[in-house]
Structures are given as structure tokens and as C-alpha cells.
Amino acid sequence: VREDHEVHDLLAIEPEAALDEPLELAEGDQRTGEADRADERAAALEEQLFIRLRQEITASIVLLSKLAQTLARIDVACSLAQAALAHGYARPRLSDDRTLDIRGGRHPVLETINPAGGFVPNDTIFSDDQGWLQLLTGPNMAGKSTYLRQVGLIVLMAQAGSFVPADVATIGVCDRIFIRVGADDDPVRALD
């Protein structure tokens, strides 16, 4: 198979000159061989550069890993701060006792997708004075599961160091959160 420039060169030859001078195919073969060798040299150089880059990255893997972890922490902190500013979150007070006192609590997901005033803030108070057992009743689709999830999310956010969707919150340290979630619940589409 001839290269395009060779075909063009053959077509540019005048007919009389073609009869007088024999066609030199060896010259075309030589140029093809040079191009093949240049491709091989480029591929070898590319491989050497890749190996050197891989070795430098491997030598710096501890530093790069620490950098990635630091950037991830900064990203989380910035995202939480942005959400707190945008949605009027409050700084929770963390306590060593068992108190769970949330005033004006809001569901962090539902309040962002509902129009202003679409979610009614509510209070949650569990303490040694107020009691630790409360019975939550209401008709189907009244928001009982949403309320439970809201309290769980607020506690989780506070434990993670975030501001929370509430007017005021005092939350004791906890080591686990249990919340009932129905298999067909979808509070975003009001299927609770």
C-alpha cells in the first residue's frame, strides 16, 4: 500500500519523463521505514515518561493520600457551612447528659424541596424532667415517620459537627440512632 504523498508524486510525473527515468520505489520504502522507527521511538518515550510519572506518584503516595483526606474534610466543612447559611441552621449545643431538646426543628431534606412555609417546624423534648418515652400517634400520612427521621437526622448532623435545621438545639452525645423506616416510605413524594 502506498502512502498518499507517493500516489500524488506518481501522478505528478510527466508521461515522457516516466519513460526516460525508472521509478524509485526503494526511496518510498526508506521513508516508510523512517516513519515506523519514529513511531516506535515515540511509543518508547511515552512509556518511559509514564513509568517515571508512576514512580514519582508511588513515592509520594502517603503525601497525596493525606492531601486527599484534607481536601475531603475541607469540602465537607464547606458544604455543611454553605447549607447552614442557605437554610438558617443553628449551632447545636452538645451536652454530656442525655438531653435531647430541639426547638423549631425542621426536616433538612423536605424543607429544601417544599415552598417557603410548606414545612411546619416542631419541637422535640426528651430529658430526665420531661421523660424518655413518648407515644407518637396520628392518622396515616400525618408525618409521624417524617418527624422521626427529622429528629434522627438532626441528631446525626449535630454529632457530625454540623449546624442543624432548628431554632435552638441541645443534644446529648449518643452512640446509635434507631429510626423506623417503612419499605414503601418516600417522604419527598409525600408517600409516608
Protein backbone atom coordinates (compact mmCIF):
# COMPACT_ATOMS: atom_id res chain seq x y z
CA VAL A 1 0.00 0.00 0.00
CA ARG A 2 1.40 3.37 -0.98
CA GLU A 3 1.24 6.50 1.12
CA ASP A 4 -0.91 9.37 -0.20
CA HIS A 5 2.13 11.53 -0.97
CA GLU A 6 3.66 8.72 -3.06
CA VAL A 7 0.50 8.41 -5.15
CA HIS A 8 0.45 12.17 -5.60
CA ASP A 9 4.14 12.09 -6.63
CA LEU A 10 3.39 9.38 -9.22
CA LEU A 11 0.51 11.36 -10.69
CA ALA A 12 2.66 14.50 -10.93
CA ILE A 13 5.22 12.79 -13.21
CA GLU A 14 5.02 13.80 -16.85
CA PRO A 15 4.42 10.81 -19.17
CA GLU A 16 7.61 11.35 -21.25
CA ALA A 17 9.76 11.67 -18.13
CA ALA A 18 8.28 8.48 -16.74
CA LEU A 19 9.55 6.61 -19.76
CA ASP A 20 13.05 8.07 -19.53
CA GLU A 21 13.62 7.58 -15.75
CA PRO A 22 12.82 4.37 -13.85
CA LEU A 23 10.56 4.78 -10.77
CA GLU A 24 12.47 4.54 -7.49
CA LEU A 25 10.29 2.51 -5.06
CA ALA A 26 13.17 1.94 -2.67
CA GLU A 27 13.09 5.64 -1.71
CA GLY A 28 9.43 5.32 -0.62
CA ASP A 29 10.20 2.18 1.34
CA GLN A 30 13.03 4.01 3.09
CA ARG A 31 10.70 6.88 4.11
CA THR A 32 8.14 4.38 5.40
CA GLY A 33 10.80 2.66 7.50
CA GLU A 34 11.91 6.00 8.97
CA ALA A 35 8.31 6.83 9.91
CA ASP A 36 7.88 3.42 11.54
CA ARG A 37 11.07 3.92 13.57
CA ALA A 38 9.90 7.40 14.65
CA ASP A 39 6.59 5.90 15.84
CA GLU A 40 8.47 3.25 17.80
CA ARG A 41 10.74 5.88 19.39
CA ALA A 42 7.70 8.00 20.34
CA ALA A 43 5.94 4.98 21.90
CA ALA A 44 9.09 4.04 23.86
CA LEU A 45 9.48 7.63 25.11
CA GLU A 46 5.82 7.75 26.11
CA GLU A 47 6.23 4.50 28.07
CA GLN A 48 9.36 5.83 29.83
CA LEU A 49 7.55 9.03 30.81
CA PHE A 50 4.57 7.05 32.10
CA ILE A 51 6.82 4.77 34.20
CA ARG A 52 8.68 7.77 35.64
CA LEU A 53 5.37 9.51 36.49
CA ARG A 54 4.06 6.32 38.13
CA GLN A 55 7.26 6.02 40.21
CA GLU A 56 7.02 9.65 41.35
CA ILE A 57 3.37 9.21 42.34
CA THR A 58 4.18 5.98 44.18
CA ALA A 59 6.99 7.73 46.08
CA SER A 60 4.54 10.46 47.12
CA ILE A 61 1.52 8.25 47.85
CA VAL A 62 1.48 8.99 51.60
CA LEU A 63 1.58 12.74 50.97
CA LEU A 64 -1.05 12.53 48.21
CA SER A 65 -3.31 10.43 50.44
CA LYS A 66 -3.05 12.96 53.29
CA LEU A 67 -3.73 15.76 50.82
CA ALA A 68 -6.84 13.97 49.50
CA GLN A 69 -8.12 13.42 53.06
CA THR A 70 -7.54 17.06 53.94
CA LEU A 71 -9.31 18.26 50.79
CA ALA A 72 -12.22 15.93 51.56
CA ARG A 73 -12.55 17.38 55.08
CA ILE A 74 -12.44 20.91 53.70
CA ASP A 75 -15.07 20.00 51.11
CA VAL A 76 -17.40 18.54 53.77
CA ALA A 77 -16.92 21.53 56.08
CA CYS A 78 -17.58 23.99 53.24
CA SER A 79 -20.67 22.08 52.11
CA LEU A 80 -22.08 21.96 55.64
CA ALA A 81 -21.34 25.67 56.14
CA GLN A 82 -22.99 26.55 52.83
CA ALA A 83 -26.12 24.56 53.76
CA ALA A 84 -26.20 26.17 57.23
CA LEU A 85 -26.08 29.66 55.73
CA ALA A 86 -28.55 28.96 52.95
CA HIS A 87 -31.17 27.33 55.20
CA GLY A 88 -30.76 29.18 58.50
CA TYR A 89 -29.32 26.33 60.56
CA ALA A 90 -28.36 26.88 64.19
CA ARG A 91 -25.27 25.79 66.09
CA PRO A 92 -26.33 22.96 68.40
CA ARG A 93 -25.20 22.80 71.99
CA LEU A 94 -23.73 19.36 72.68
CA SER A 95 -24.03 18.16 76.25
CA ASP A 96 -22.66 15.26 78.26
CA ASP A 97 -26.07 14.36 79.67
CA ARG A 98 -28.97 12.57 77.97
CA THR A 99 -30.89 15.70 76.96
CA LEU A 100 -32.49 15.93 73.54
CA ASP A 101 -34.10 19.35 73.20
CA ILE A 102 -34.84 20.58 69.68
CA ARG A 103 -36.92 23.75 69.30
CA GLY A 104 -38.22 24.73 65.89
CA GLY A 105 -36.74 21.61 64.27
CA ARG A 106 -37.13 21.11 60.53
CA HIS A 107 -36.52 18.19 58.19
CA PRO A 108 -33.29 19.10 56.31
CA VAL A 109 -34.37 17.49 53.03
CA LEU A 110 -38.05 18.32 52.93
CA GLU A 111 -37.60 21.99 53.76
CA THR A 112 -35.33 22.42 50.72
CA ILE A 113 -37.83 20.97 48.25
CA ASN A 114 -41.06 22.40 49.69
CA PRO A 115 -42.01 26.00 49.01
CA ALA A 116 -41.48 28.52 51.80
CA GLY A 117 -43.83 27.78 54.68
CA GLY A 118 -44.57 24.29 53.36
CA PHE A 119 -42.88 22.58 56.30
CA VAL A 120 -44.04 23.43 59.82
CA PRO A 121 -41.20 23.44 62.39
CA ASN A 122 -41.76 21.38 65.51
CA ASP A 123 -40.24 20.73 68.93
CA THR A 124 -38.76 17.57 70.41
CA ILE A 125 -38.00 17.36 74.11
CA PHE A 126 -36.59 14.29 75.83
CA SER A 127 -34.96 14.73 79.21
CA ASP A 128 -34.96 13.32 82.72
CA ASP A 129 -37.53 16.01 83.62
CA GLN A 130 -39.77 15.54 80.57
CA GLY A 131 -39.45 11.78 80.30
CA TRP A 132 -37.86 9.39 77.84
CA LEU A 133 -40.89 7.61 76.50
CA GLN A 134 -43.30 9.37 74.22
CA LEU A 135 -46.17 7.93 72.22
CA LEU A 136 -46.50 9.35 68.73
CA THR A 137 -49.95 8.88 67.25
CA GLY A 138 -51.85 10.18 64.26
CA PRO A 139 -53.63 9.10 61.10
CA ASN A 140 -51.87 7.59 58.10
CA MET A 141 -49.82 10.11 56.12
CA ALA A 142 -49.78 12.56 59.06
CA GLY A 143 -45.97 12.82 59.15
CA LYS A 144 -45.07 10.50 62.02
CA SER A 145 -42.23 8.79 60.11
CA THR A 146 -41.06 12.12 58.73
CA TYR A 147 -40.90 13.52 62.26
CA LEU A 148 -38.88 10.52 63.49
CA ARG A 149 -36.45 10.80 60.58
CA GLN A 150 -36.15 14.54 61.13
CA VAL A 151 -35.10 14.03 64.75
CA GLY A 152 -32.64 11.30 63.71
CA LEU A 153 -31.11 13.49 61.00
CA ILE A 154 -30.76 16.47 63.36
CA VAL A 155 -29.03 14.30 65.98
CA LEU A 156 -26.76 12.78 63.33
CA MET A 157 -25.86 16.19 61.89
CA ALA A 158 -25.04 17.54 65.36
CA GLN A 159 -22.89 14.51 66.22
CA ALA A 160 -21.01 15.03 62.93
CA GLY A 161 -20.22 18.64 63.86
CA SER A 162 -22.75 20.32 61.60
CA PHE A 163 -25.13 23.13 62.36
CA VAL A 164 -28.72 21.81 62.43
CA PRO A 165 -32.08 22.82 60.95
CA ALA A 166 -33.60 24.16 64.16
CA ASP A 167 -34.02 27.41 66.03
CA VAL A 168 -32.23 26.00 69.11
CA ALA A 169 -30.93 22.52 69.86
CA THR A 170 -29.31 20.88 72.87
CA ILE A 171 -28.25 17.35 72.10
CA GLY A 172 -26.53 14.81 74.32
CA VAL A 173 -23.82 12.59 72.96
CA CYS A 174 -25.22 9.38 71.50
CA ASP A 175 -23.64 6.27 70.06
CA ARG A 176 -26.54 4.98 67.96
CA ILE A 177 -29.73 6.11 66.30
CA PHE A 178 -32.69 3.84 65.59
CA ILE A 179 -35.45 5.04 63.29
CA ARG A 180 -38.26 3.08 61.76
CA VAL A 181 -38.48 3.43 58.01
CA GLY A 182 -41.30 1.73 56.13
CA ALA A 183 -40.40 -0.17 52.99
CA ASP A 184 -42.73 1.99 50.89
CA ASP A 185 -41.98 5.33 52.57
CA ASP A 186 -40.97 8.18 50.30
CA PRO A 187 -41.38 11.47 52.16
CA VAL A 188 -40.12 13.51 49.20
CA ARG A 189 -43.20 12.42 47.21
CA ALA A 190 -45.41 12.52 50.33
CA LEU A 191 -45.67 8.72 50.42
CA ASP A 192 -45.10 8.10 54.10
